[in-house]
Amino acid sequence: MLERLYSTCYQASHLSEESRPVTFRAILAEPDAFPRQGGPPRELHRLEFVRAMPFEPRELRRLTQAADFNRSLIAASA
């Protein structure tokens, strides 16, 4: 799973979206690792998709435009 995470992130880092580089921070963790309650400034604000998204370079490219690099983590789980 870790190899797939690295490979996907590496491939996504070579893409661009409207001439902007694709930059993001990713973490490999189960959703339960992050609290459902809480939020800034002391805790993470967890946003979970209604349905699972495929962990693919193309999907990461789309997500990174909405996920600020300095303030977001894109989580992947097994």
PDB file of N, CA and C in Angstrom:
ATOM      1  N   MET A   1       0.817  -1.185   0.000  1.00  0.00           N
ATOM      2  CA  MET A   1       0.000   0.000   0.000  1.00  0.00           C
ATOM      3  C   MET A   1       0.868   1.260   0.000  1.00  0.00           C
ATOM      4  N   LEU A   2       1.946   1.217   0.752  1.00  0.00           N
ATOM      5  CA  LEU A   2       2.846   2.366   0.808  1.00  0.00           C
ATOM      6  C   LEU A   2       3.495   2.627  -0.548  1.00  0.00           C
ATOM      7  N   GLU A   3       3.859   1.559  -1.242  1.00  0.00           N
ATOM      8  CA  GLU A   3       4.443   1.703  -2.573  1.00  0.00           C
ATOM      9  C   GLU A   3       3.440   2.368  -3.529  1.00  0.00           C
ATOM     10  N   ARG A   4       2.183   1.972  -3.441  1.00  0.00           N
ATOM     11  CA  ARG A   4       1.148   2.564  -4.295  1.00  0.00           C
ATOM     12  C   ARG A   4       0.962   4.047  -3.955  1.00  0.00           C
ATOM     13  N   LEU A   5       0.985   4.374  -2.662  1.00  0.00           N
ATOM     14  CA  LEU A   5       0.862   5.780  -2.247  1.00  0.00           C
ATOM     15  C   LEU A   5       1.982   6.613  -2.857  1.00  0.00           C
ATOM     16  N   TYR A   6       3.211   6.148  -2.697  1.00  0.00           N
ATOM     17  CA  TYR A   6       4.359   6.889  -3.241  1.00  0.00           C
ATOM     18  C   TYR A   6       4.284   7.016  -4.756  1.00  0.00           C
ATOM     19  N   SER A   7       3.956   5.932  -5.422  1.00  0.00           N
ATOM     20  CA  SER A   7       3.893   5.940  -6.877  1.00  0.00           C
ATOM     21  C   SER A   7       2.824   6.908  -7.376  1.00  0.00           C
ATOM     22  N   THR A   8       1.646   6.851  -6.775  1.00  0.00           N
ATOM     23  CA  THR A   8       0.551   7.730  -7.193  1.00  0.00           C
ATOM     24  C   THR A   8       0.895   9.192  -6.946  1.00  0.00           C
ATOM     25  N   CYS A   9       1.453   9.484  -5.777  1.00  0.00           N
ATOM     26  CA  CYS A   9       1.843  10.866  -5.469  1.00  0.00           C
ATOM     27  C   CYS A   9       2.929  11.357  -6.424  1.00  0.00           C
ATOM     28  N   TYR A  10       3.883  10.501  -6.718  1.00  0.00           N
ATOM     29  CA  TYR A  10       4.952  10.866  -7.647  1.00  0.00           C
ATOM     30  C   TYR A  10       4.389  11.178  -9.035  1.00  0.00           C
ATOM     31  N   GLN A  11       3.509  10.315  -9.530  1.00  0.00           N
ATOM     32  CA  GLN A  11       2.912  10.540 -10.845  1.00  0.00           C
ATOM     33  C   GLN A  11       2.083  11.827 -10.858  1.00  0.00           C
ATOM     34  N   ALA A  12       1.335  12.085  -9.792  1.00  0.00           N
ATOM     35  CA  ALA A  12       0.512  13.290  -9.717  1.00  0.00           C
ATOM     36  C   ALA A  12       1.379  14.544  -9.678  1.00  0.00           C
ATOM     37  N   SER A  13       2.554  14.451  -9.065  1.00  0.00           N
ATOM     38  CA  SER A  13       3.418  15.630  -8.952  1.00  0.00           C
ATOM     39  C   SER A  13       3.947  16.095 -10.308  1.00  0.00           C
ATOM     40  N   HIS A  14       3.857  15.263 -11.316  1.00  0.00           N
ATOM     41  CA  HIS A  14       4.311  15.639 -12.663  1.00  0.00           C
ATOM     42  C   HIS A  14       3.192  16.228 -13.519  1.00  0.00           C
ATOM     43  N   LEU A  15       2.010  16.321 -12.948  1.00  0.00           N
ATOM     44  CA  LEU A  15       0.875  16.881 -13.681  1.00  0.00           C
ATOM     45  C   LEU A  15       0.748  18.376 -13.393  1.00  0.00           C
ATOM     46  N   SER A  16      -0.118  19.026 -14.146  1.00  0.00           N
ATOM     47  CA  SER A  16      -0.434  20.434 -13.883  1.00  0.00           C
ATOM     48  C   SER A  16      -1.919  20.638 -14.140  1.00  0.00           C
ATOM     49  N   GLU A  17      -2.456  21.661 -13.519  1.00  0.00           N
ATOM     50  CA  GLU A  17      -3.864  22.012 -13.679  1.00  0.00           C
ATOM     51  C   GLU A  17      -3.925  23.472 -14.077  1.00  0.00           C
ATOM     52  N   GLU A  18      -4.338  23.745 -15.293  1.00  0.00           N
ATOM     53  CA  GLU A  18      -4.389  25.116 -15.819  1.00  0.00           C
ATOM     54  C   GLU A  18      -3.059  25.836 -15.592  1.00  0.00           C
ATOM     55  N   SER A  19      -1.987  25.205 -15.976  1.00  0.00           N
ATOM     56  CA  SER A  19      -0.615  25.717 -15.894  1.00  0.00           C
ATOM     57  C   SER A  19      -0.103  25.879 -14.468  1.00  0.00           C
ATOM     58  N   ARG A  20      -0.835  25.382 -13.481  1.00  0.00           N
ATOM     59  CA  ARG A  20      -0.369  25.433 -12.089  1.00  0.00           C
ATOM     60  C   ARG A  20       0.158  24.061 -11.709  1.00  0.00           C
ATOM     61  N   PRO A  21       1.266  24.026 -10.960  1.00  0.00           N
ATOM     62  CA  PRO A  21       1.789  22.721 -10.542  1.00  0.00           C
ATOM     63  C   PRO A  21       0.840  22.057  -9.546  1.00  0.00           C
ATOM     64  N   VAL A  22       0.859  20.746  -9.534  1.00  0.00           N
ATOM     65  CA  VAL A  22       0.050  19.982  -8.594  1.00  0.00           C
ATOM     66  C   VAL A  22       0.892  19.762  -7.339  1.00  0.00           C
ATOM     67  N   THR A  23       0.508  20.412  -6.245  1.00  0.00           N
ATOM     68  CA  THR A  23       1.203  20.255  -4.975  1.00  0.00           C
ATOM     69  C   THR A  23       0.186  19.902  -3.904  1.00  0.00           C
ATOM     70  N   PHE A  24       0.555  18.986  -3.044  1.00  0.00           N
ATOM     71  CA  PHE A  24      -0.363  18.534  -1.998  1.00  0.00           C
ATOM     72  C   PHE A  24       0.427  17.779  -0.942  1.00  0.00           C
ATOM     73  N   ARG A  25      -0.232  17.573   0.180  1.00  0.00           N
ATOM     74  CA  ARG A  25       0.315  16.731   1.240  1.00  0.00           C
ATOM     75  C   ARG A  25      -0.642  15.566   1.404  1.00  0.00           C
ATOM     76  N   ALA A  26      -0.089  14.365   1.452  1.00  0.00           N
ATOM     77  CA  ALA A  26      -0.908  13.158   1.566  1.00  0.00           C
ATOM     78  C   ALA A  26      -0.523  12.398   2.822  1.00  0.00           C
ATOM     79  N   ILE A  27      -1.495  11.662   3.345  1.00  0.00           N
ATOM     80  CA  ILE A  27      -1.263  10.835   4.518  1.00  0.00           C
ATOM     81  C   ILE A  27      -1.991   9.509   4.314  1.00  0.00           C
ATOM     82  N   LEU A  28      -1.369   8.440   4.734  1.00  0.00           N
ATOM     83  CA  LEU A  28      -1.972   7.114   4.661  1.00  0.00           C
ATOM     84  C   LEU A  28      -2.502   6.784   6.054  1.00  0.00           C
ATOM     85  N   ALA A  29      -3.824   6.821   6.205  1.00  0.00           N
ATOM     86  CA  ALA A  29      -4.441   6.579   7.515  1.00  0.00           C
ATOM     87  C   ALA A  29      -5.912   6.237   7.327  1.00  0.00           C
ATOM     88  N   GLU A  30      -6.437   5.480   8.260  1.00  0.00           N
ATOM     89  CA  GLU A  30      -7.860   5.164   8.257  1.00  0.00           C
ATOM     90  C   GLU A  30      -8.646   6.399   8.698  1.00  0.00           C
ATOM     91  N   PRO A  31      -9.863   6.572   8.221  1.00  0.00           N
ATOM     92  CA  PRO A  31     -10.667   7.746   8.596  1.00  0.00           C
ATOM     93  C   PRO A  31     -10.839   7.917  10.102  1.00  0.00           C
ATOM     94  N   ASP A  32     -10.907   6.812  10.840  1.00  0.00           N
ATOM     95  CA  ASP A  32     -11.097   6.903  12.287  1.00  0.00           C
ATOM     96  C   ASP A  32      -9.886   7.495  13.017  1.00  0.00           C
ATOM     97  N   ALA A  33      -8.776   7.676  12.321  1.00  0.00           N
ATOM     98  CA  ALA A  33      -7.599   8.294  12.928  1.00  0.00           C
ATOM     99  C   ALA A  33      -7.813   9.785  13.165  1.00  0.00           C
ATOM    100  N   PHE A  34      -8.845  10.348  12.554  1.00  0.00           N
ATOM    101  CA  PHE A  34      -9.132  11.771  12.673  1.00  0.00           C
ATOM    102  C   PHE A  34     -10.487  11.959  13.346  1.00  0.00           C
ATOM    103  N   PRO A  35     -10.569  12.830  14.341  1.00  0.00           N
ATOM    104  CA  PRO A  35     -11.836  13.006  15.061  1.00  0.00           C
ATOM    105  C   PRO A  35     -12.929  13.581  14.161  1.00  0.00           C
ATOM    106  N   ARG A  36     -14.156  13.122  14.378  1.00  0.00           N
ATOM    107  CA  ARG A  36     -15.298  13.655  13.624  1.00  0.00           C
ATOM    108  C   ARG A  36     -15.666  15.053  14.100  1.00  0.00           C
ATOM    109  N   GLN A  37     -15.500  15.301  15.374  1.00  0.00           N
ATOM    110  CA  GLN A  37     -15.819  16.604  15.961  1.00  0.00           C
ATOM    111  C   GLN A  37     -14.546  17.434  16.051  1.00  0.00           C
ATOM    112  N   GLY A  38     -14.718  18.687  16.344  1.00  0.00           N
ATOM    113  CA  GLY A  38     -13.563  19.567  16.496  1.00  0.00           C
ATOM    114  C   GLY A  38     -13.359  20.398  15.250  1.00  0.00           C
ATOM    115  N   GLY A  39     -12.280  21.085  15.228  1.00  0.00           N
ATOM    116  CA  GLY A  39     -11.960  21.931  14.093  1.00  0.00           C
ATOM    117  C   GLY A  39     -10.918  22.952  14.462  1.00  0.00           C
ATOM    118  N   PRO A  40     -10.610  23.827  13.538  1.00  0.00           N
ATOM    119  CA  PRO A  40      -9.591  24.846  13.779  1.00  0.00           C
ATOM    120  C   PRO A  40      -9.962  25.723  14.967  1.00  0.00           C
ATOM    121  N   PRO A  41      -9.042  26.272  15.655  1.00  0.00           N
ATOM    122  CA  PRO A  41      -7.602  26.271  15.375  1.00  0.00           C
ATOM    123  C   PRO A  41      -6.832  25.137  16.035  1.00  0.00           C
ATOM    124  N   ARG A  42      -7.430  24.371  16.943  1.00  0.00           N
ATOM    125  CA  ARG A  42      -6.662  23.362  17.678  1.00  0.00           C
ATOM    126  C   ARG A  42      -6.753  21.951  17.101  1.00  0.00           C
ATOM    127  N   GLU A  43      -7.778  21.678  16.340  1.00  0.00           N
ATOM    128  CA  GLU A  43      -7.958  20.333  15.812  1.00  0.00           C
ATOM    129  C   GLU A  43      -8.186  20.378  14.303  1.00  0.00           C
ATOM    130  N   LEU A  44      -8.119  19.205  13.702  1.00  0.00           N
ATOM    131  CA  LEU A  44      -8.369  19.110  12.266  1.00  0.00           C
ATOM    132  C   LEU A  44      -9.857  19.218  11.973  1.00  0.00           C
ATOM    133  N   HIS A  45     -10.174  19.769  10.835  1.00  0.00           N
ATOM    134  CA  HIS A  45     -11.548  19.798  10.340  1.00  0.00           C
ATOM    135  C   HIS A  45     -11.631  18.693   9.306  1.00  0.00           C
ATOM    136  N   ARG A  46     -12.294  17.642   9.660  1.00  0.00           N
ATOM    137  CA  ARG A  46     -12.367  16.449   8.798  1.00  0.00           C
ATOM    138  C   ARG A  46     -13.519  16.582   7.814  1.00  0.00           C
ATOM    139  N   LEU A  47     -13.199  16.477   6.538  1.00  0.00           N
ATOM    140  CA  LEU A  47     -14.201  16.440   5.477  1.00  0.00           C
ATOM    141  C   LEU A  47     -14.091  15.081   4.796  1.00  0.00           C
ATOM    142  N   GLU A  48     -15.176  14.351   4.788  1.00  0.00           N
ATOM    143  CA  GLU A  48     -15.157  13.013   4.215  1.00  0.00           C
ATOM    144  C   GLU A  48     -16.132  12.945   3.045  1.00  0.00           C
ATOM    145  N   PHE A  49     -15.688  12.357   1.950  1.00  0.00           N
ATOM    146  CA  PHE A  49     -16.545  12.208   0.781  1.00  0.00           C
ATOM    147  C   PHE A  49     -17.671  11.221   1.076  1.00  0.00           C
ATOM    148  N   VAL A  50     -18.806  11.429   0.456  1.00  0.00           N
ATOM    149  CA  VAL A  50     -19.937  10.523   0.616  1.00  0.00           C
ATOM    150  C   VAL A  50     -19.579   9.146   0.065  1.00  0.00           C
ATOM    151  N   ARG A  51     -18.888   9.130  -1.048  1.00  0.00           N
ATOM    152  CA  ARG A  51     -18.421   7.865  -1.613  1.00  0.00           C
ATOM    153  C   ARG A  51     -16.904   7.946  -1.774  1.00  0.00           C
ATOM    154  N   ALA A  52     -16.270   6.814  -1.695  1.00  0.00           N
ATOM    155  CA  ALA A  52     -14.810   6.768  -1.811  1.00  0.00           C
ATOM    156  C   ALA A  52     -14.379   7.214  -3.204  1.00  0.00           C
ATOM    157  N   MET A  53     -13.322   7.974  -3.252  1.00  0.00           N
ATOM    158  CA  MET A  53     -12.745   8.429  -4.512  1.00  0.00           C
ATOM    159  C   MET A  53     -11.546   7.538  -4.839  1.00  0.00           C
ATOM    160  N   PRO A  54     -11.320   7.249  -6.105  1.00  0.00           N
ATOM    161  CA  PRO A  54     -10.141   6.448  -6.455  1.00  0.00           C
ATOM    162  C   PRO A  54      -8.862   7.239  -6.190  1.00  0.00           C
ATOM    163  N   PHE A  55      -7.869   6.579  -5.634  1.00  0.00           N
ATOM    164  CA  PHE A  55      -6.595   7.234  -5.365  1.00  0.00           C
ATOM    165  C   PHE A  55      -5.731   7.101  -6.613  1.00  0.00           C
ATOM    166  N   GLU A  56      -5.914   8.047  -7.523  1.00  0.00           N
ATOM    167  CA  GLU A  56      -5.227   8.056  -8.809  1.00  0.00           C
ATOM    168  C   GLU A  56      -4.660   9.443  -9.058  1.00  0.00           C
ATOM    169  N   PRO A  57      -3.592   9.540  -9.841  1.00  0.00           N
ATOM    170  CA  PRO A  57      -2.988  10.846 -10.121  1.00  0.00           C
ATOM    171  C   PRO A  57      -3.994  11.866 -10.666  1.00  0.00           C
ATOM    172  N   ARG A  58      -4.862  11.443 -11.543  1.00  0.00           N
ATOM    173  CA  ARG A  58      -5.841  12.351 -12.147  1.00  0.00           C
ATOM    174  C   ARG A  58      -6.799  12.914 -11.093  1.00  0.00           C
ATOM    175  N   GLU A  59      -7.225  12.076 -10.148  1.00  0.00           N
ATOM    176  CA  GLU A  59      -8.110  12.535  -9.076  1.00  0.00           C
ATOM    177  C   GLU A  59      -7.375  13.474  -8.124  1.00  0.00           C
ATOM    178  N   LEU A  60      -6.120  13.169  -7.839  1.00  0.00           N
ATOM    179  CA  LEU A  60      -5.333  14.057  -6.982  1.00  0.00           C
ATOM    180  C   LEU A  60      -5.176  15.427  -7.631  1.00  0.00           C
ATOM    181  N   ARG A  61      -4.950  15.445  -8.920  1.00  0.00           N
ATOM    182  CA  ARG A  61      -4.831  16.717  -9.639  1.00  0.00           C
ATOM    183  C   ARG A  61      -6.088  17.559  -9.441  1.00  0.00           C
ATOM    184  N   ARG A  62      -7.238  16.938  -9.528  1.00  0.00           N
ATOM    185  CA  ARG A  62      -8.502  17.667  -9.351  1.00  0.00           C
ATOM    186  C   ARG A  62      -8.672  18.151  -7.908  1.00  0.00           C
ATOM    187  N   LEU A  63      -8.321  17.324  -6.941  1.00  0.00           N
ATOM    188  CA  LEU A  63      -8.493  17.688  -5.533  1.00  0.00           C
ATOM    189  C   LEU A  63      -7.571  18.810  -5.084  1.00  0.00           C
ATOM    190  N   THR A  64      -6.371  18.841  -5.618  1.00  0.00           N
ATOM    191  CA  THR A  64      -5.385  19.808  -5.122  1.00  0.00           C
ATOM    192  C   THR A  64      -5.791  21.256  -5.362  1.00  0.00           C
ATOM    193  N   GLN A  65      -6.632  21.505  -6.314  1.00  0.00           N
ATOM    194  CA  GLN A  65      -7.064  22.879  -6.562  1.00  0.00           C
ATOM    195  C   GLN A  65      -7.977  23.383  -5.447  1.00  0.00           C
ATOM    196  N   ALA A  66      -8.599  22.474  -4.719  1.00  0.00           N
ATOM    197  CA  ALA A  66      -9.484  22.851  -3.621  1.00  0.00           C
ATOM    198  C   ALA A  66      -8.819  22.680  -2.255  1.00  0.00           C
ATOM    199  N   ALA A  67      -7.685  22.022  -2.213  1.00  0.00           N
ATOM    200  CA  ALA A  67      -7.009  21.733  -0.942  1.00  0.00           C
ATOM    201  C   ALA A  67      -5.723  22.549  -0.853  1.00  0.00           C
ATOM    202  N   ASP A  68      -5.759  23.621  -0.084  1.00  0.00           N
ATOM    203  CA  ASP A  68      -4.592  24.471   0.094  1.00  0.00           C
ATOM    204  C   ASP A  68      -3.426  23.664   0.680  1.00  0.00           C
ATOM    205  N   PHE A  69      -2.252  23.779   0.082  1.00  0.00           N
ATOM    206  CA  PHE A  69      -1.099  22.982   0.493  1.00  0.00           C
ATOM    207  C   PHE A  69      -0.761  23.180   1.969  1.00  0.00           C
ATOM    208  N   ASN A  70      -0.761  24.405   2.439  1.00  0.00           N
ATOM    209  CA  ASN A  70      -0.351  24.701   3.807  1.00  0.00           C
ATOM    210  C   ASN A  70      -1.401  24.342   4.853  1.00  0.00           C
ATOM    211  N   ARG A  71      -2.626  24.096   4.427  1.00  0.00           N
ATOM    212  CA  ARG A  71      -3.683  23.883   5.398  1.00  0.00           C
ATOM    213  C   ARG A  71      -4.445  22.568   5.224  1.00  0.00           C
ATOM    214  N   SER A  72      -4.013  21.710   4.321  1.00  0.00           N
ATOM    215  CA  SER A  72      -4.788  20.508   4.020  1.00  0.00           C
ATOM    216  C   SER A  72      -3.917  19.262   3.942  1.00  0.00           C
ATOM    217  N   LEU A  73      -4.542  18.141   4.258  1.00  0.00           N
ATOM    218  CA  LEU A  73      -3.978  16.817   4.041  1.00  0.00           C
ATOM    219  C   LEU A  73      -4.988  16.035   3.223  1.00  0.00           C
ATOM    220  N   ILE A  74      -4.523  15.319   2.235  1.00  0.00           N
ATOM    221  CA  ILE A  74      -5.398  14.422   1.494  1.00  0.00           C
ATOM    222  C   ILE A  74      -5.084  13.021   2.019  1.00  0.00           C
ATOM    223  N   ALA A  75      -6.086  12.411   2.622  1.00  0.00           N
ATOM    224  CA  ALA A  75      -5.867  11.100   3.264  1.00  0.00           C
ATOM    225  C   ALA A  75      -6.279   9.973   2.339  1.00  0.00           C
ATOM    226  N   ALA A  76      -5.505   8.912   2.375  1.00  0.00           N
ATOM    227  CA  ALA A  76      -5.818   7.680   1.649  1.00  0.00           C
ATOM    228  C   ALA A  76      -5.838   6.552   2.660  1.00  0.00           C
ATOM    229  N   SER A  77      -6.713   5.593   2.436  1.00  0.00           N
ATOM    230  CA  SER A  77      -6.763   4.432   3.335  1.00  0.00           C
ATOM    231  C   SER A  77      -6.880   3.161   2.506  1.00  0.00           C
ATOM    232  N   ALA A  78      -6.606   2.054   3.163  1.00  0.00           N
ATOM    233  CA  ALA A  78      -6.628   0.755   2.471  1.00  0.00           C
ATOM    234  C   ALA A  78      -8.031   0.340   2.126  1.00  0.00           C
TER     235      ALA A  78
END
